[in-house]
ModelCIF file with pLDDT and N, C-alpha, C, O atoms, coordinates in Angstrom:
data_MODEL
#
_entry.id   MODEL 
#
_entity.id                         1 
_entity.type                       polymer 
_entity.pdbx_number_of_molecules   1 
#
_entity_poly.entity_id                      1 
_entity_poly.type                           'polypeptide(L)' 
_entity_poly.nstd_linkage                   no 
_entity_poly.nstd_monomer                   no 
_entity_poly.pdbx_seq_one_letter_code       GIIGALNYLSSKGVNSVYFLVMNVQGDGNDVFPLNDIDERYRFDCSK 
_entity_poly.pdbx_seq_one_letter_code_can   GIIGALNYLSSKGVNSVYFLVMNVQGDGNDVFPLNDIDERYRFDCSK 
_entity_poly.pdbx_strand_id                 A 
#
loop_
_entity_poly_seq.entity_id 
_entity_poly_seq.num 
_entity_poly_seq.mon_id 
_entity_poly_seq.hetero 
1 1  GLY n 
1 2  ILE n 
1 3  ILE n 
1 4  GLY n 
1 5  ALA n 
1 6  LEU n 
1 7  ASN n 
1 8  TYR n 
1 9  LEU n 
1 10 SER n 
1 11 SER n 
1 12 LYS n 
1 13 GLY n 
1 14 VAL n 
1 15 ASN n 
1 16 SER n 
1 17 VAL n 
1 18 TYR n 
1 19 PHE n 
1 20 LEU n 
1 21 VAL n 
1 22 MET n 
1 23 ASN n 
1 24 VAL n 
1 25 GLN n 
1 26 GLY n 
1 27 ASP n 
1 28 GLY n 
1 29 ASN n 
1 30 ASP n 
1 31 VAL n 
1 32 PHE n 
1 33 PRO n 
1 34 LEU n 
1 35 ASN n 
1 36 ASP n 
1 37 ILE n 
1 38 ASP n 
1 39 GLU n 
1 40 ARG n 
1 41 TYR n 
1 42 ARG n 
1 43 PHE n 
1 44 ASP n 
1 45 CYS n 
1 46 SER n 
1 47 LYS n 
#
_struct_asym.id          A 
_struct_asym.entity_id   1 
#
loop_
_ma_qa_metric.id 
_ma_qa_metric.mode 
_ma_qa_metric.name 
_ma_qa_metric.software_group_id 
_ma_qa_metric.type 
1 global pLDDT . pLDDT 
2 local  pLDDT . pLDDT 
#
_ma_qa_metric_global.metric_id      1 
_ma_qa_metric_global.metric_value   97.79 
_ma_qa_metric_global.model_id       1 
_ma_qa_metric_global.ordinal_id     1 
#
loop_
_ma_qa_metric_local.label_asym_id 
_ma_qa_metric_local.label_comp_id 
_ma_qa_metric_local.label_seq_id 
_ma_qa_metric_local.metric_id 
_ma_qa_metric_local.metric_value 
_ma_qa_metric_local.model_id 
_ma_qa_metric_local.ordinal_id 
A GLY 1  2 98.00 1 1  
A ILE 2  2 98.00 1 2  
A ILE 3  2 98.00 1 3  
A GLY 4  2 98.00 1 4  
A ALA 5  2 98.00 1 5  
A LEU 6  2 98.00 1 6  
A ASN 7  2 98.00 1 7  
A TYR 8  2 98.00 1 8  
A LEU 9  2 98.00 1 9  
A SER 10 2 98.00 1 10 
A SER 11 2 98.00 1 11 
A LYS 12 2 98.00 1 12 
A GLY 13 2 98.00 1 13 
A VAL 14 2 98.00 1 14 
A ASN 15 2 98.00 1 15 
A SER 16 2 98.00 1 16 
A VAL 17 2 98.00 1 17 
A TYR 18 2 98.00 1 18 
A PHE 19 2 98.00 1 19 
A LEU 20 2 98.00 1 20 
A VAL 21 2 98.00 1 21 
A MET 22 2 98.00 1 22 
A ASN 23 2 98.00 1 23 
A VAL 24 2 98.00 1 24 
A GLN 25 2 96.00 1 25 
A GLY 26 2 96.00 1 26 
A ASP 27 2 96.00 1 27 
A GLY 28 2 97.00 1 28 
A ASN 29 2 98.00 1 29 
A ASP 30 2 98.00 1 30 
A VAL 31 2 98.00 1 31 
A PHE 32 2 98.00 1 32 
A PRO 33 2 98.00 1 33 
A LEU 34 2 98.00 1 34 
A ASN 35 2 97.00 1 35 
A ASP 36 2 98.00 1 36 
A ILE 37 2 97.00 1 37 
A ASP 38 2 97.00 1 38 
A GLU 39 2 98.00 1 39 
A ARG 40 2 98.00 1 40 
A TYR 41 2 98.00 1 41 
A ARG 42 2 98.00 1 42 
A PHE 43 2 98.00 1 43 
A ASP 44 2 98.00 1 44 
A CYS 45 2 98.00 1 45 
A SER 46 2 98.00 1 46 
A LYS 47 2 98.00 1 47 
#
loop_
_atom_site.group_PDB 
_atom_site.id 
_atom_site.type_symbol 
_atom_site.label_atom_id 
_atom_site.label_alt_id 
_atom_site.label_comp_id 
_atom_site.label_asym_id 
_atom_site.label_entity_id 
_atom_site.label_seq_id 
_atom_site.pdbx_PDB_ins_code 
_atom_site.Cartn_x 
_atom_site.Cartn_y 
_atom_site.Cartn_z 
_atom_site.occupancy 
_atom_site.B_iso_or_equiv 
_atom_site.pdbx_formal_charge 
_atom_site.auth_seq_id 
_atom_site.auth_comp_id 
_atom_site.auth_asym_id 
_atom_site.auth_atom_id 
_atom_site.pdbx_PDB_model_num 
ATOM 1   N N  . GLY A 1 1  ? 0.820  -1.232 -0.060  1.00 98.00 ? 1  GLY A N  1 
ATOM 2   C CA . GLY A 1 1  ? -0.034 -0.092 0.041   1.00 98.00 ? 1  GLY A CA 1 
ATOM 3   C C  . GLY A 1 1  ? 0.809  1.256  0.021   1.00 98.00 ? 1  GLY A C  1 
ATOM 4   O O  . GLY A 1 1  ? 0.545  2.165  -0.766  1.00 98.00 ? 1  GLY A O  1 
ATOM 5   N N  . ILE A 1 2  ? 1.802  1.312  0.912   1.00 98.00 ? 2  ILE A N  1 
ATOM 6   C CA . ILE A 1 2  ? 2.630  2.592  0.981   1.00 98.00 ? 2  ILE A CA 1 
ATOM 7   C C  . ILE A 1 2  ? 3.613  2.763  -0.212  1.00 98.00 ? 2  ILE A C  1 
ATOM 8   O O  . ILE A 1 2  ? 3.847  3.862  -0.716  1.00 98.00 ? 2  ILE A O  1 
ATOM 9   N N  . ILE A 1 3  ? 4.192  1.549  -0.643  1.00 98.00 ? 3  ILE A N  1 
ATOM 10  C CA . ILE A 1 3  ? 5.003  1.691  -1.759  1.00 98.00 ? 3  ILE A CA 1 
ATOM 11  C C  . ILE A 1 3  ? 4.078  2.092  -3.033  1.00 98.00 ? 3  ILE A C  1 
ATOM 12  O O  . ILE A 1 3  ? 4.418  3.021  -3.765  1.00 98.00 ? 3  ILE A O  1 
ATOM 13  N N  . GLY A 1 4  ? 3.047  1.443  -3.233  1.00 98.00 ? 4  GLY A N  1 
ATOM 14  C CA . GLY A 1 4  ? 2.120  1.901  -4.235  1.00 98.00 ? 4  GLY A CA 1 
ATOM 15  C C  . GLY A 1 4  ? 1.732  3.275  -4.308  1.00 98.00 ? 4  GLY A C  1 
ATOM 16  O O  . GLY A 1 4  ? 1.601  3.857  -5.385  1.00 98.00 ? 4  GLY A O  1 
ATOM 17  N N  . ALA A 1 5  ? 1.524  3.877  -3.061  1.00 98.00 ? 5  ALA A N  1 
ATOM 18  C CA . ALA A 1 5  ? 1.149  5.194  -2.952  1.00 98.00 ? 5  ALA A CA 1 
ATOM 19  C C  . ALA A 1 5  ? 2.270  6.170  -3.378  1.00 98.00 ? 5  ALA A C  1 
ATOM 20  O O  . ALA A 1 5  ? 1.979  7.241  -3.909  1.00 98.00 ? 5  ALA A O  1 
ATOM 21  N N  . LEU A 1 6  ? 3.491  5.822  -3.157  1.00 98.00 ? 6  LEU A N  1 
ATOM 22  C CA . LEU A 1 6  ? 4.799  6.590  -3.516  1.00 98.00 ? 6  LEU A CA 1 
ATOM 23  C C  . LEU A 1 6  ? 4.799  6.462  -5.123  1.00 98.00 ? 6  LEU A C  1 
ATOM 24  O O  . LEU A 1 6  ? 4.947  7.428  -5.872  1.00 98.00 ? 6  LEU A O  1 
ATOM 25  N N  . ASN A 1 7  ? 4.620  5.195  -5.526  1.00 98.00 ? 7  ASN A N  1 
ATOM 26  C CA . ASN A 1 7  ? 4.579  4.949  -7.057  1.00 98.00 ? 7  ASN A CA 1 
ATOM 27  C C  . ASN A 1 7  ? 3.648  6.005  -7.803  1.00 98.00 ? 7  ASN A C  1 
ATOM 28  O O  . ASN A 1 7  ? 3.999  6.674  -8.775  1.00 98.00 ? 7  ASN A O  1 
ATOM 29  N N  . TYR A 1 8  ? 2.447  6.042  -7.207  1.00 98.00 ? 8  TYR A N  1 
ATOM 30  C CA . TYR A 1 8  ? 1.477  6.893  -7.840  1.00 98.00 ? 8  TYR A CA 1 
ATOM 31  C C  . TYR A 1 8  ? 1.935  8.350  -7.799  1.00 98.00 ? 8  TYR A C  1 
ATOM 32  O O  . TYR A 1 8  ? 1.909  9.059  -8.805  1.00 98.00 ? 8  TYR A O  1 
ATOM 33  N N  . LEU A 1 9  ? 2.343  8.763  -6.637  1.00 98.00 ? 9  LEU A N  1 
ATOM 34  C CA . LEU A 1 9  ? 2.824  10.184 -6.572  1.00 98.00 ? 9  LEU A CA 1 
ATOM 35  C C  . LEU A 1 9  ? 3.866  10.568 -7.526  1.00 98.00 ? 9  LEU A C  1 
ATOM 36  O O  . LEU A 1 9  ? 3.890  11.658 -8.098  1.00 98.00 ? 9  LEU A O  1 
ATOM 37  N N  . SER A 1 10 ? 4.747  9.613  -7.680  1.00 98.00 ? 10 SER A N  1 
ATOM 38  C CA . SER A 1 10 ? 5.907  9.813  -8.641  1.00 98.00 ? 10 SER A CA 1 
ATOM 39  C C  . SER A 1 10 ? 5.386  9.885  -10.052 1.00 98.00 ? 10 SER A C  1 
ATOM 40  O O  . SER A 1 10 ? 5.869  10.689 -10.850 1.00 98.00 ? 10 SER A O  1 
ATOM 41  N N  . SER A 1 11 ? 4.476  9.117  -10.357 1.00 98.00 ? 11 SER A N  1 
ATOM 42  C CA . SER A 1 11 ? 3.834  9.014  -11.687 1.00 98.00 ? 11 SER A CA 1 
ATOM 43  C C  . SER A 1 11 ? 3.192  10.344 -12.051 1.00 98.00 ? 11 SER A C  1 
ATOM 44  O O  . SER A 1 11 ? 3.107  10.648 -13.241 1.00 98.00 ? 11 SER A O  1 
ATOM 45  N N  . LYS A 1 12 ? 2.741  11.145 -11.115 1.00 98.00 ? 12 LYS A N  1 
ATOM 46  C CA . LYS A 1 12 ? 2.101  12.310 -11.358 1.00 98.00 ? 12 LYS A CA 1 
ATOM 47  C C  . LYS A 1 12 ? 3.128  13.514 -11.357 1.00 98.00 ? 12 LYS A C  1 
ATOM 48  O O  . LYS A 1 12 ? 2.688  14.652 -11.521 1.00 98.00 ? 12 LYS A O  1 
ATOM 49  N N  . GLY A 1 13 ? 4.391  13.314 -11.190 1.00 98.00 ? 13 GLY A N  1 
ATOM 50  C CA . GLY A 1 13 ? 5.389  14.276 -11.233 1.00 98.00 ? 13 GLY A CA 1 
ATOM 51  C C  . GLY A 1 13 ? 5.755  14.783 -9.897  1.00 98.00 ? 13 GLY A C  1 
ATOM 52  O O  . GLY A 1 13 ? 6.656  15.620 -9.831  1.00 98.00 ? 13 GLY A O  1 
ATOM 53  N N  . VAL A 1 14 ? 5.138  14.360 -8.773  1.00 98.00 ? 14 VAL A N  1 
ATOM 54  C CA . VAL A 1 14 ? 5.450  14.779 -7.494  1.00 98.00 ? 14 VAL A CA 1 
ATOM 55  C C  . VAL A 1 14 ? 7.018  14.375 -7.233  1.00 98.00 ? 14 VAL A C  1 
ATOM 56  O O  . VAL A 1 14 ? 7.519  13.342 -7.676  1.00 98.00 ? 14 VAL A O  1 
ATOM 57  N N  . ASN A 1 15 ? 7.648  15.257 -6.521  1.00 98.00 ? 15 ASN A N  1 
ATOM 58  C CA . ASN A 1 15 ? 9.036  14.928 -6.150  1.00 98.00 ? 15 ASN A CA 1 
ATOM 59  C C  . ASN A 1 15 ? 9.435  15.255 -4.716  1.00 98.00 ? 15 ASN A C  1 
ATOM 60  O O  . ASN A 1 15 ? 10.602 15.460 -4.383  1.00 98.00 ? 15 ASN A O  1 
ATOM 61  N N  . SER A 1 16 ? 8.416  15.291 -3.910  1.00 98.00 ? 16 SER A N  1 
ATOM 62  C CA . SER A 1 16 ? 8.869  15.491 -2.510  1.00 98.00 ? 16 SER A CA 1 
ATOM 63  C C  . SER A 1 16 ? 7.648  14.991 -1.653  1.00 98.00 ? 16 SER A C  1 
ATOM 64  O O  . SER A 1 16 ? 6.502  15.172 -2.064  1.00 98.00 ? 16 SER A O  1 
ATOM 65  N N  . VAL A 1 17 ? 7.891  14.390 -0.513  1.00 98.00 ? 17 VAL A N  1 
ATOM 66  C CA . VAL A 1 17 ? 6.854  13.831 0.476   1.00 98.00 ? 17 VAL A CA 1 
ATOM 67  C C  . VAL A 1 17 ? 7.173  14.405 1.771   1.00 98.00 ? 17 VAL A C  1 
ATOM 68  O O  . VAL A 1 17 ? 8.343  14.335 2.146   1.00 98.00 ? 17 VAL A O  1 
ATOM 69  N N  . TYR A 1 18 ? 6.290  14.971 2.520   1.00 98.00 ? 18 TYR A N  1 
ATOM 70  C CA . TYR A 1 18 ? 6.514  15.543 3.774   1.00 98.00 ? 18 TYR A CA 1 
ATOM 71  C C  . TYR A 1 18 ? 6.012  14.546 4.949   1.00 98.00 ? 18 TYR A C  1 
ATOM 72  O O  . TYR A 1 18 ? 4.945  13.955 4.788   1.00 98.00 ? 18 TYR A O  1 
ATOM 73  N N  . PHE A 1 19 ? 6.686  14.376 5.996   1.00 98.00 ? 19 PHE A N  1 
ATOM 74  C CA . PHE A 1 19 ? 6.220  13.353 7.024   1.00 98.00 ? 19 PHE A CA 1 
ATOM 75  C C  . PHE A 1 19 ? 6.946  13.552 8.313   1.00 98.00 ? 19 PHE A C  1 
ATOM 76  O O  . PHE A 1 19 ? 8.148  13.819 8.341   1.00 98.00 ? 19 PHE A O  1 
ATOM 77  N N  . LEU A 1 20 ? 6.232  13.423 9.342   1.00 98.00 ? 20 LEU A N  1 
ATOM 78  C CA . LEU A 1 20 ? 6.677  13.512 10.823  1.00 98.00 ? 20 LEU A CA 1 
ATOM 79  C C  . LEU A 1 20 ? 7.333  12.212 11.020  1.00 98.00 ? 20 LEU A C  1 
ATOM 80  O O  . LEU A 1 20 ? 6.844  11.200 10.519  1.00 98.00 ? 20 LEU A O  1 
ATOM 81  N N  . VAL A 1 21 ? 8.533  12.171 11.799  1.00 98.00 ? 21 VAL A N  1 
ATOM 82  C CA . VAL A 1 21 ? 9.176  10.926 12.305  1.00 98.00 ? 21 VAL A CA 1 
ATOM 83  C C  . VAL A 1 21 ? 8.860  10.896 13.731  1.00 98.00 ? 21 VAL A C  1 
ATOM 84  O O  . VAL A 1 21 ? 9.170  9.861  14.319  1.00 98.00 ? 21 VAL A O  1 
ATOM 85  N N  . MET A 1 22 ? 8.271  11.886 14.440  1.00 98.00 ? 22 MET A N  1 
ATOM 86  C CA . MET A 1 22 ? 7.991  11.839 15.888  1.00 98.00 ? 22 MET A CA 1 
ATOM 87  C C  . MET A 1 22 ? 6.805  12.721 16.182  1.00 98.00 ? 22 MET A C  1 
ATOM 88  O O  . MET A 1 22 ? 6.982  13.937 16.258  1.00 98.00 ? 22 MET A O  1 
ATOM 89  N N  . ASN A 1 23 ? 5.631  12.207 16.349  1.00 98.00 ? 23 ASN A N  1 
ATOM 90  C CA . ASN A 1 23 ? 4.480  12.970 16.665  1.00 98.00 ? 23 ASN A CA 1 
ATOM 91  C C  . ASN A 1 23 ? 3.824  12.514 18.000  1.00 98.00 ? 23 ASN A C  1 
ATOM 92  O O  . ASN A 1 23 ? 2.612  12.662 18.155  1.00 98.00 ? 23 ASN A O  1 
ATOM 93  N N  . VAL A 1 24 ? 4.508  12.031 18.846  1.00 98.00 ? 24 VAL A N  1 
ATOM 94  C CA . VAL A 1 24 ? 4.125  11.627 20.257  1.00 98.00 ? 24 VAL A CA 1 
ATOM 95  C C  . VAL A 1 24 ? 3.661  12.821 20.909  1.00 98.00 ? 24 VAL A C  1 
ATOM 96  O O  . VAL A 1 24 ? 4.394  13.808 20.963  1.00 98.00 ? 24 VAL A O  1 
ATOM 97  N N  . GLN A 1 25 ? 2.446  12.817 21.436  1.00 96.00 ? 25 GLN A N  1 
ATOM 98  C CA . GLN A 1 25 ? 1.734  13.952 22.071  1.00 96.00 ? 25 GLN A CA 1 
ATOM 99  C C  . GLN A 1 25 ? 1.261  15.041 21.033  1.00 96.00 ? 25 GLN A C  1 
ATOM 100 O O  . GLN A 1 25 ? 0.812  16.118 21.425  1.00 96.00 ? 25 GLN A O  1 
ATOM 101 N N  . GLY A 1 26 ? 1.374  14.733 19.730  1.00 96.00 ? 26 GLY A N  1 
ATOM 102 C CA . GLY A 1 26 ? 0.952  15.664 18.896  1.00 96.00 ? 26 GLY A CA 1 
ATOM 103 C C  . GLY A 1 26 ? -0.350 15.256 18.170  1.00 96.00 ? 26 GLY A C  1 
ATOM 104 O O  . GLY A 1 26 ? -1.058 14.380 18.668  1.00 96.00 ? 26 GLY A O  1 
ATOM 105 N N  . ASP A 1 27 ? -0.700 15.877 16.976  1.00 96.00 ? 27 ASP A N  1 
ATOM 106 C CA . ASP A 1 27 ? -1.981 15.642 16.462  1.00 96.00 ? 27 ASP A CA 1 
ATOM 107 C C  . ASP A 1 27 ? -2.315 14.173 16.261  1.00 96.00 ? 27 ASP A C  1 
ATOM 108 O O  . ASP A 1 27 ? -3.380 13.712 16.672  1.00 96.00 ? 27 ASP A O  1 
ATOM 109 N N  . GLY A 1 28 ? -1.446 13.471 15.658  1.00 97.00 ? 28 GLY A N  1 
ATOM 110 C CA . GLY A 1 28 ? -1.715 12.011 15.389  1.00 97.00 ? 28 GLY A CA 1 
ATOM 111 C C  . GLY A 1 28 ? -1.359 11.123 16.482  1.00 97.00 ? 28 GLY A C  1 
ATOM 112 O O  . GLY A 1 28 ? -2.078 10.162 16.757  1.00 97.00 ? 28 GLY A O  1 
ATOM 113 N N  . ASN A 1 29 ? -0.303 11.381 17.117  1.00 98.00 ? 29 ASN A N  1 
ATOM 114 C CA . ASN A 1 29 ? 0.226  10.494 18.275  1.00 98.00 ? 29 ASN A CA 1 
ATOM 115 C C  . ASN A 1 29 ? 0.386  9.113  17.855  1.00 98.00 ? 29 ASN A C  1 
ATOM 116 O O  . ASN A 1 29 ? 0.084  8.210  18.635  1.00 98.00 ? 29 ASN A O  1 
ATOM 117 N N  . ASP A 1 30 ? 0.865  8.849  16.609  1.00 98.00 ? 30 ASP A N  1 
ATOM 118 C CA . ASP A 1 30 ? 0.870  7.414  16.051  1.00 98.00 ? 30 ASP A CA 1 
ATOM 119 C C  . ASP A 1 30 ? 2.229  7.194  15.287  1.00 98.00 ? 30 ASP A C  1 
ATOM 120 O O  . ASP A 1 30 ? 2.347  6.155  14.637  1.00 98.00 ? 30 ASP A O  1 
ATOM 121 N N  . VAL A 1 31 ? 3.281  8.118  15.321  1.00 98.00 ? 31 VAL A N  1 
ATOM 122 C CA . VAL A 1 31 ? 4.533  7.911  14.573  1.00 98.00 ? 31 VAL A CA 1 
ATOM 123 C C  . VAL A 1 31 ? 5.603  8.197  15.651  1.00 98.00 ? 31 VAL A C  1 
ATOM 124 O O  . VAL A 1 31 ? 5.657  9.277  16.238  1.00 98.00 ? 31 VAL A O  1 
ATOM 125 N N  . PHE A 1 32 ? 6.488  7.126  15.889  1.00 98.00 ? 32 PHE A N  1 
ATOM 126 C CA . PHE A 1 32 ? 7.678  7.297  16.651  1.00 98.00 ? 32 PHE A CA 1 
ATOM 127 C C  . PHE A 1 32 ? 8.568  6.269  16.294  1.00 98.00 ? 32 PHE A C  1 
ATOM 128 O O  . PHE A 1 32 ? 8.186  5.140  15.987  1.00 98.00 ? 32 PHE A O  1 
ATOM 129 N N  . PRO A 1 33 ? 9.989  6.699  16.331  1.00 98.00 ? 33 PRO A N  1 
ATOM 130 C CA . PRO A 1 33 ? 10.975 5.666  15.832  1.00 98.00 ? 33 PRO A CA 1 
ATOM 131 C C  . PRO A 1 33 ? 11.443 4.836  17.105  1.00 98.00 ? 33 PRO A C  1 
ATOM 132 O O  . PRO A 1 33 ? 12.244 3.911  16.967  1.00 98.00 ? 33 PRO A O  1 
ATOM 133 N N  . LEU A 1 34 ? 10.925 5.187  18.355  1.00 98.00 ? 34 LEU A N  1 
ATOM 134 C CA . LEU A 1 34 ? 11.310 4.342  19.511  1.00 98.00 ? 34 LEU A CA 1 
ATOM 135 C C  . LEU A 1 34 ? 10.603 3.144  19.710  1.00 98.00 ? 34 LEU A C  1 
ATOM 136 O O  . LEU A 1 34 ? 9.524  2.985  19.141  1.00 98.00 ? 34 LEU A O  1 
ATOM 137 N N  . ASN A 1 35 ? 11.115 2.211  20.507  1.00 97.00 ? 35 ASN A N  1 
ATOM 138 C CA . ASN A 1 35 ? 10.479 0.944  20.759  1.00 97.00 ? 35 ASN A CA 1 
ATOM 139 C C  . ASN A 1 35 ? 9.184  0.897  21.605  1.00 97.00 ? 35 ASN A C  1 
ATOM 140 O O  . ASN A 1 35 ? 8.531  -0.135 21.762  1.00 97.00 ? 35 ASN A O  1 
ATOM 141 N N  . ASP A 1 36 ? 8.869  2.091  22.135  1.00 98.00 ? 36 ASP A N  1 
ATOM 142 C CA . ASP A 1 36 ? 7.560  2.210  22.803  1.00 98.00 ? 36 ASP A CA 1 
ATOM 143 C C  . ASP A 1 36 ? 7.142  3.718  22.837  1.00 98.00 ? 36 ASP A C  1 
ATOM 144 O O  . ASP A 1 36 ? 7.996  4.599  22.937  1.00 98.00 ? 36 ASP A O  1 
ATOM 145 N N  . ILE A 1 37 ? 5.908  3.968  22.759  1.00 97.00 ? 37 ILE A N  1 
ATOM 146 C CA . ILE A 1 37 ? 5.516  5.338  22.675  1.00 97.00 ? 37 ILE A CA 1 
ATOM 147 C C  . ILE A 1 37 ? 5.968  6.228  23.884  1.00 97.00 ? 37 ILE A C  1 
ATOM 148 O O  . ILE A 1 37 ? 6.085  7.447  23.764  1.00 97.00 ? 37 ILE A O  1 
ATOM 149 N N  . ASP A 1 38 ? 6.216  5.561  25.050  1.00 97.00 ? 38 ASP A N  1 
ATOM 150 C CA . ASP A 1 38 ? 6.720  6.243  26.251  1.00 97.00 ? 38 ASP A CA 1 
ATOM 151 C C  . ASP A 1 38 ? 8.194  6.184  26.487  1.00 97.00 ? 38 ASP A C  1 
ATOM 152 O O  . ASP A 1 38 ? 8.679  6.655  27.516  1.00 97.00 ? 38 ASP A O  1 
ATOM 153 N N  . GLU A 1 39 ? 8.993  5.558  25.462  1.00 98.00 ? 39 GLU A N  1 
ATOM 154 C CA . GLU A 1 39 ? 10.384 5.394  25.586  1.00 98.00 ? 39 GLU A CA 1 
ATOM 155 C C  . GLU A 1 39 ? 11.037 6.686  25.004  1.00 98.00 ? 39 GLU A C  1 
ATOM 156 O O  . GLU A 1 39 ? 10.499 7.406  24.163  1.00 98.00 ? 39 GLU A O  1 
ATOM 157 N N  . ARG A 1 40 ? 12.217 6.879  25.538  1.00 98.00 ? 40 ARG A N  1 
ATOM 158 C CA . ARG A 1 40 ? 13.081 8.035  24.964  1.00 98.00 ? 40 ARG A CA 1 
ATOM 159 C C  . ARG A 1 40 ? 14.428 7.711  24.656  1.00 98.00 ? 40 ARG A C  1 
ATOM 160 O O  . ARG A 1 40 ? 15.127 8.532  24.062  1.00 98.00 ? 40 ARG A O  1 
ATOM 161 N N  . TYR A 1 41 ? 14.886 6.551  25.013  1.00 98.00 ? 41 TYR A N  1 
ATOM 162 C CA . TYR A 1 41 ? 16.341 6.266  24.796  1.00 98.00 ? 41 TYR A CA 1 
ATOM 163 C C  . TYR A 1 41 ? 16.607 5.082  23.937  1.00 98.00 ? 41 TYR A C  1 
ATOM 164 O O  . TYR A 1 41 ? 17.759 4.877  23.556  1.00 98.00 ? 41 TYR A O  1 
ATOM 165 N N  . ARG A 1 42 ? 15.656 4.301  23.606  1.00 98.00 ? 42 ARG A N  1 
ATOM 166 C CA . ARG A 1 42 ? 15.856 3.053  22.820  1.00 98.00 ? 42 ARG A CA 1 
ATOM 167 C C  . ARG A 1 42 ? 14.808 3.031  21.587  1.00 98.00 ? 42 ARG A C  1 
ATOM 168 O O  . ARG A 1 42 ? 13.636 3.406  21.641  1.00 98.00 ? 42 ARG A O  1 
ATOM 169 N N  . PHE A 1 43 ? 15.489 2.508  20.464  1.00 98.00 ? 43 PHE A N  1 
ATOM 170 C CA . PHE A 1 43 ? 14.726 2.693  19.159  1.00 98.00 ? 43 PHE A CA 1 
ATOM 171 C C  . PHE A 1 43 ? 14.270 1.326  18.748  1.00 98.00 ? 43 PHE A C  1 
ATOM 172 O O  . PHE A 1 43 ? 14.747 0.322  19.278  1.00 98.00 ? 43 PHE A O  1 
ATOM 173 N N  . ASP A 1 44 ? 13.334 1.269  17.791  1.00 98.00 ? 44 ASP A N  1 
ATOM 174 C CA . ASP A 1 44 ? 12.794 0.087  17.169  1.00 98.00 ? 44 ASP A CA 1 
ATOM 175 C C  . ASP A 1 44 ? 13.534 -0.271 15.966  1.00 98.00 ? 44 ASP A C  1 
ATOM 176 O O  . ASP A 1 44 ? 13.329 0.297  14.893  1.00 98.00 ? 44 ASP A O  1 
ATOM 177 N N  . CYS A 1 45 ? 14.474 -1.294 16.138  1.00 98.00 ? 45 CYS A N  1 
ATOM 178 C CA . CYS A 1 45 ? 15.230 -1.644 14.857  1.00 98.00 ? 45 CYS A CA 1 
ATOM 179 C C  . CYS A 1 45 ? 14.418 -2.173 13.769  1.00 98.00 ? 45 CYS A C  1 
ATOM 180 O O  . CYS A 1 45 ? 14.726 -1.822 12.630  1.00 98.00 ? 45 CYS A O  1 
ATOM 181 N N  . SER A 1 46 ? 13.440 -2.952 13.934  1.00 98.00 ? 46 SER A N  1 
ATOM 182 C CA . SER A 1 46 ? 12.711 -3.540 12.846  1.00 98.00 ? 46 SER A CA 1 
ATOM 183 C C  . SER A 1 46 ? 11.786 -2.416 12.119  1.00 98.00 ? 46 SER A C  1 
ATOM 184 O O  . SER A 1 46 ? 11.652 -2.363 10.897  1.00 98.00 ? 46 SER A O  1 
ATOM 185 N N  . LYS A 1 47 ? 11.232 -1.619 12.941  1.00 98.00 ? 47 LYS A N  1 
ATOM 186 C CA . LYS A 1 47 ? 10.464 -0.569 12.306  1.00 98.00 ? 47 LYS A CA 1 
ATOM 187 C C  . LYS A 1 47 ? 11.313 0.299  11.439  1.00 98.00 ? 47 LYS A C  1 
ATOM 188 O O  . LYS A 1 47 ? 10.809 1.241  10.827  1.00 98.00 ? 47 LYS A O  1 
#
């Protein structure tokens, strides 16, 4: 799904995509590179 979305945007001439890598306590509260939403010192290697 996400790869296909990027394929579509590129096919339309789009050349940039904006995204948050940390929105904990923000509007979405759903994107974080850490291994837990309450963690601040350890990251999620597989993600």
